[in-house]
Protein backbone atom coordinates (compact mmCIF):
# COMPACT_ATOMS: atom_id res chain seq x y z
CA MET A 1 -26.53 -38.18 -83.67
CA ASP A 2 -24.98 -38.01 -87.13
CA VAL A 3 -21.21 -37.47 -87.19
CA ASN A 4 -21.58 -34.52 -89.58
CA VAL A 5 -23.87 -32.79 -87.09
CA ILE A 6 -21.24 -33.26 -84.37
CA ARG A 7 -18.56 -31.85 -86.68
CA ASN A 8 -20.68 -28.83 -87.55
CA LEU A 9 -21.32 -28.15 -83.87
CA TYR A 10 -17.58 -28.27 -83.20
CA VAL A 11 -16.95 -25.78 -86.01
CA ILE A 12 -19.64 -23.39 -84.74
CA ILE A 13 -18.37 -23.62 -81.15
CA GLY A 14 -14.77 -23.32 -82.32
CA CYS A 15 -15.32 -20.18 -84.41
CA THR A 16 -17.47 -18.56 -81.74
CA GLY A 17 -15.10 -19.46 -78.93
CA ILE A 18 -11.99 -18.10 -80.62
CA VAL A 19 -13.72 -14.79 -81.36
CA THR A 20 -15.18 -14.35 -77.87
CA ASN A 21 -12.00 -15.31 -76.03
CA MET A 22 -9.84 -13.10 -78.25
CA HIS A 23 -12.24 -10.22 -77.61
CA ALA A 24 -11.96 -10.78 -73.86
CA ILE A 25 -8.15 -10.78 -74.08
CA TYR A 26 -8.25 -7.56 -76.12
CA THR A 27 -10.57 -5.99 -73.53
CA ILE A 28 -8.11 -6.78 -70.74
CA VAL A 29 -5.03 -5.54 -72.59
CA ALA A 30 -6.70 -2.41 -73.97
CA SER A 31 -8.14 -1.30 -70.62
CA THR A 32 -5.01 -1.93 -68.56
CA LYS A 33 -1.93 0.24 -68.31
CA LYS A 34 0.11 -2.40 -66.53
CA LEU A 35 -0.61 -6.11 -66.34
CA THR A 36 -0.78 -7.49 -62.81
CA THR A 37 -1.26 -11.03 -61.54
CA ARG A 38 -4.99 -10.27 -61.40
CA HIS A 39 -5.02 -9.73 -65.14
CA ILE A 40 -2.78 -12.74 -65.68
CA ALA A 41 -5.42 -14.90 -63.98
CA TYR A 42 -7.95 -13.84 -66.62
CA LEU A 43 -5.43 -14.22 -69.45
CA TYR A 44 -4.47 -17.69 -68.21
CA TYR A 45 -8.14 -18.65 -68.32
CA PHE A 46 -8.93 -17.26 -71.77
CA VAL A 47 -5.70 -18.45 -73.42
CA ASN A 48 -6.32 -22.03 -72.27
CA ASN A 49 -9.89 -21.73 -73.53
CA ILE A 50 -8.61 -20.76 -76.98
CA LEU A 51 -6.09 -23.60 -77.07
CA LEU A 52 -8.75 -26.17 -76.22
CA ILE A 53 -11.37 -24.73 -78.54
CA GLN A 54 -8.93 -24.74 -81.47
CA LEU A 55 -8.78 -28.51 -81.17
CA SER A 56 -12.44 -28.55 -82.16
CA PHE A 57 -11.37 -27.99 -85.76
CA ILE A 58 -9.17 -31.09 -85.97
CA PRO A 59 -12.02 -33.59 -86.60
CA THR A 60 -13.18 -31.53 -89.59
CA PHE A 61 -9.89 -32.25 -91.37
CA ILE A 62 -10.05 -36.02 -90.91
CA PRO A 63 -11.34 -37.68 -94.11
CA ASN A 64 -14.60 -39.57 -93.76
CA GLN A 65 -12.93 -42.86 -94.60
CA ALA A 66 -10.48 -42.34 -91.74
CA GLN A 67 -13.06 -41.45 -89.10
CA SER A 68 -13.07 -44.89 -87.52
CA LYS A 69 -9.27 -45.21 -87.38
CA TRP A 70 -7.61 -42.46 -85.43
CA PRO A 71 -3.85 -43.14 -85.50
CA ASN A 72 -2.77 -44.02 -81.97
CA ILE A 73 -0.12 -41.29 -81.81
CA MET A 74 -2.54 -38.65 -83.10
CA CYS A 75 -5.22 -39.71 -80.62
CA ASN A 76 -2.75 -39.55 -77.73
CA LEU A 77 -1.51 -36.09 -78.76
CA TYR A 78 -5.08 -34.86 -79.11
CA GLY A 79 -6.02 -36.38 -75.75
CA ILE A 80 -2.99 -34.96 -73.91
CA THR A 81 -3.42 -31.47 -75.35
CA SER A 82 -7.17 -31.24 -74.87
CA HIS A 83 -7.14 -32.63 -71.33
CA TYR A 84 -4.16 -30.45 -70.35
CA THR A 85 -5.83 -27.24 -71.49
CA GLY A 86 -9.13 -28.37 -70.00
CA TYR A 87 -7.54 -28.99 -66.60
CA CYS A 88 -5.82 -25.58 -66.73
CA SER A 89 -9.07 -23.86 -67.64
CA LEU A 90 -10.91 -25.51 -64.76
CA MET A 91 -8.27 -24.61 -62.18
CA SER A 92 -8.07 -21.04 -63.45
CA ILE A 93 -11.70 -20.43 -62.47
CA PHE A 94 -10.48 -20.45 -58.85
CA PHE A 95 -7.65 -18.06 -59.72
CA VAL A 96 -10.19 -15.70 -61.32
CA THR A 97 -12.42 -15.94 -58.25
CA VAL A 98 -9.59 -15.11 -55.86
CA SER A 99 -8.42 -12.27 -58.12
CA CYS A 100 -11.87 -10.68 -58.05
CA LEU A 101 -12.71 -11.17 -54.40
CA LYS A 102 -9.41 -11.06 -52.53
CA ASP A 103 -6.86 -8.31 -51.93
CA SER A 104 -4.04 -10.81 -52.49
CA PRO A 105 -4.27 -12.33 -55.99
CA PRO A 106 -2.64 -15.66 -56.92
CA SER A 107 1.13 -15.62 -57.35
CA MET A 108 3.04 -16.85 -60.38
CA ASN A 109 3.90 -19.96 -58.36
CA HIS A 110 0.22 -20.89 -58.30
CA PHE A 111 0.03 -20.70 -62.10
CA ALA A 112 3.20 -22.76 -62.42
CA TRP A 113 1.88 -25.41 -60.02
CA ALA A 114 -1.43 -25.63 -61.87
CA THR A 115 0.34 -25.96 -65.22
CA VAL A 116 2.63 -28.76 -64.01
CA MET A 117 -0.21 -30.70 -62.35
CA ALA A 118 -2.38 -30.41 -65.45
CA LEU A 119 0.45 -31.63 -67.68
CA LEU A 120 1.27 -34.60 -65.44
CA CYS A 121 -2.36 -35.71 -65.17
CA SER A 122 -2.86 -35.41 -68.92
CA LEU A 123 0.20 -37.63 -69.53
CA ILE A 124 -0.75 -40.37 -67.04
CA PRO A 125 -3.34 -42.09 -69.32
CA THR A 126 -0.64 -42.66 -71.96
CA LEU A 127 1.47 -44.62 -69.45
CA GLY A 128 -0.88 -47.60 -69.45
CA LEU A 129 -3.53 -46.25 -67.09
CA CYS A 130 -6.92 -45.89 -68.81
CA GLY A 131 -5.48 -44.66 -72.11
CA TYR A 132 -6.99 -42.32 -74.69
CA THR A 133 -9.45 -43.56 -77.28
CA GLY A 134 -11.67 -42.11 -80.00
CA ASP A 135 -15.32 -41.51 -79.14
CA PRO A 136 -18.04 -43.46 -81.00
CA HIS A 137 -18.53 -40.54 -83.41
CA HIS A 138 -14.76 -40.43 -84.07
CA THR A 139 -14.66 -36.66 -83.60
CA THR A 140 -12.49 -36.46 -80.48
CA CYS A 141 -10.23 -38.52 -78.20
CA LEU A 142 -11.14 -38.96 -74.56
CA ILE A 143 -9.93 -40.97 -71.60
CA ASN A 144 -11.11 -44.54 -72.12
CA TRP A 145 -14.18 -44.57 -69.87
CA ARG A 146 -14.76 -48.24 -70.64
CA ASN A 147 -11.51 -49.31 -68.98
CA THR A 148 -12.76 -51.28 -65.98
CA THR A 149 -9.48 -51.62 -64.06
CA ASP A 150 -9.48 -50.38 -60.49
CA GLY A 151 -6.55 -48.08 -61.21
CA CYS A 152 -8.42 -46.34 -64.02
CA ARG A 153 -11.54 -45.91 -61.90
CA VAL A 154 -9.56 -44.36 -59.07
CA PHE A 155 -7.78 -42.05 -61.54
CA LEU A 156 -11.10 -40.85 -62.97
CA VAL A 157 -12.36 -40.02 -59.49
CA ILE A 158 -9.13 -38.20 -58.62
CA ILE A 159 -9.13 -35.97 -61.69
CA SER A 160 -12.85 -35.25 -61.25
CA LEU A 161 -12.28 -34.11 -57.69
CA MET A 162 -8.98 -32.33 -58.35
CA PHE A 163 -9.90 -30.41 -61.49
CA PHE A 164 -13.68 -30.05 -61.13
CA GLY A 165 -14.81 -30.52 -57.56
CA LEU A 166 -11.99 -28.72 -55.75
CA PRO A 167 -11.78 -25.56 -57.95
CA CYS A 168 -15.56 -25.15 -58.11
CA LEU A 169 -16.20 -25.80 -54.41
CA SER A 170 -13.29 -23.53 -53.42
CA SER A 171 -14.65 -20.80 -55.67
CA VAL A 172 -18.12 -21.15 -54.15
CA TYR A 173 -16.60 -21.02 -50.67
CA GLU A 174 -14.72 -17.80 -51.44
CA LEU A 175 -17.88 -16.29 -52.92
CA MET A 176 -20.00 -17.18 -49.89
CA ASN A 177 -17.44 -15.62 -47.54
CA VAL A 178 -17.54 -12.17 -49.09
CA GLY A 179 -18.62 -9.97 -46.19
CA LYS A 180 -21.37 -7.39 -46.34
CA ASN A 181 -18.84 -4.67 -45.60
CA SER A 182 -16.50 -5.87 -48.31
CA THR A 183 -15.16 -3.37 -50.83
CA VAL A 184 -15.70 -5.86 -53.67
CA SER A 185 -17.95 -4.32 -56.30
CA SER A 186 -21.32 -5.84 -57.13
CA ASP A 187 -20.19 -6.29 -60.74
CA ALA A 188 -17.22 -8.37 -59.60
CA ILE A 189 -19.50 -10.55 -57.49
CA LYS A 190 -21.92 -11.00 -60.39
CA LEU A 191 -19.01 -11.83 -62.69
CA VAL A 192 -17.62 -14.49 -60.37
CA THR A 193 -21.07 -15.95 -59.67
CA SER A 194 -21.87 -16.21 -63.37
CA LEU A 195 -18.51 -17.79 -64.25
CA ILE A 196 -18.80 -20.35 -61.45
CA ILE A 197 -22.33 -21.34 -62.48
CA LEU A 198 -21.33 -21.56 -66.14
CA THR A 199 -18.29 -23.68 -65.31
CA ILE A 200 -20.27 -26.10 -63.14
CA VAL A 201 -23.05 -26.50 -65.69
CA SER A 202 -20.78 -26.91 -68.73
CA TRP A 203 -18.30 -29.33 -67.10
CA LEU A 204 -20.80 -31.32 -65.04
CA PRO A 205 -21.40 -33.89 -67.85
CA PHE A 206 -17.72 -34.89 -67.66
CA ALA A 207 -17.95 -35.37 -63.88
CA VAL A 208 -21.17 -37.35 -64.20
CA LEU A 209 -19.59 -39.59 -66.84
CA SER A 210 -16.61 -40.27 -64.57
CA PHE A 211 -18.75 -41.30 -61.60
CA TRP A 212 -21.18 -43.21 -63.84
CA GLU A 213 -18.29 -45.37 -64.98
CA LEU A 214 -17.28 -45.86 -61.34
CA ILE A 215 -20.63 -46.87 -59.85
CA GLY A 216 -22.41 -48.12 -62.97
CA ARG A 217 -21.58 -50.22 -65.97
CA ALA A 218 -19.47 -48.89 -68.81
CA SER A 219 -21.78 -50.60 -71.29
CA ASP A 220 -24.58 -48.26 -70.19
CA ILE A 221 -22.70 -45.24 -71.57
CA THR A 222 -24.30 -44.42 -74.93
CA PRO A 223 -22.52 -42.71 -77.85
CA MET A 224 -24.57 -39.57 -77.22
CA MET A 225 -23.48 -39.55 -73.57
CA GLU A 226 -19.85 -39.59 -74.72
CA ALA A 227 -20.40 -36.86 -77.32
CA SER A 228 -22.17 -34.46 -74.95
CA PRO A 229 -19.42 -33.63 -72.39
CA PRO A 230 -16.86 -32.18 -74.87
CA LEU A 231 -19.55 -30.15 -76.62
CA ALA A 232 -20.92 -28.81 -73.33
CA ALA A 233 -17.45 -27.95 -71.96
CA LYS A 234 -16.32 -26.13 -75.11
CA GLY A 235 -19.67 -24.39 -75.38
CA GLY A 236 -19.18 -23.03 -71.87
CA MET A 237 -15.70 -21.84 -72.82
CA ALA A 238 -17.16 -19.95 -75.76
CA LEU A 239 -19.75 -18.22 -73.55
CA ALA A 240 -17.50 -17.39 -70.58
CA PRO A 241 -15.77 -14.42 -72.28
CA LEU A 242 -19.14 -12.83 -73.01
CA VAL A 243 -19.96 -13.04 -69.31
CA TYR A 244 -16.61 -11.44 -68.49
CA VAL A 245 -17.03 -8.56 -70.94
CA TRP A 246 -20.60 -7.95 -69.79
CA PHE A 247 -19.84 -7.65 -66.06
CA SER A 248 -16.23 -6.56 -66.00
CA LYS A 249 -16.33 -3.11 -67.60
CA SER A 250 -17.13 -1.18 -64.45
CA ALA A 251 -15.06 -3.56 -62.33
CA VAL A 252 -12.00 -3.02 -64.51
CA LYS A 253 -12.47 0.76 -64.43
CA LYS A 254 -12.68 0.70 -60.65
CA GLU A 255 -9.60 -1.49 -60.39
CA THR A 256 -7.66 0.80 -62.75
CA LYS A 257 -8.57 3.85 -60.64
CA GLN A 258 -7.40 2.07 -57.49
CA GLU A 259 -4.10 1.16 -59.16
CA ASP A 260 -3.62 4.78 -60.29
CA LYS A 261 -4.22 6.04 -56.75
CA LYS A 262 -1.65 3.57 -55.38
CA GLU A 263 0.92 4.70 -57.96
CA ASN A 264 0.30 8.35 -57.09
């Protein structure tokens, strides 16, 4: 695929994602009298989405003659920031699930733990393990999938399980254990179900790429295979707020009424 096509896709996804996530944040703030940890779970999710999507614009400012030579420092900064926000976004899907389905929402300690773990794991590649490198289209910097050391392979499996497998499977588990007599609204269940499906579908290419490198040969990974995961993940981040706004209106109203009753 032509590099200009990739750049244009990033711009479209970037503009769309910023608008949709900002609208979701506005919806939360405007419909809430007092922010609780339930609302913070949503805000944590959408803010990290915006931070990651904004990085989509960086490749558009790199001159054509410099496409093939990302400065090492710039590539590392891009890689750390994008992977950090991506990890946070993935873990926050579990926080959103618990906030919707459970009476006890995540505490601030959970958000702090997730933030620290995401930051540490995004820094590890710069310490000599795997490393960050530009993709074949020179539009982003990813973990070096072609690093064949055992340490790098183990690291790829760990981050795939920790930031994709565990949050998604835990969210599915919580969803499946919602009892028939539960007071959770149908809109909240639909919201969580839709977000989980969207997250799995949009981030699955990254997980597949990680395990492909582990069990296959790195030389089999084509440039298009490397370009697809970031586009799919950021595309999912741009669509997630629309899902939230669509299903959350009645759920938010119900939650607000419950909070008012508790205060009275």
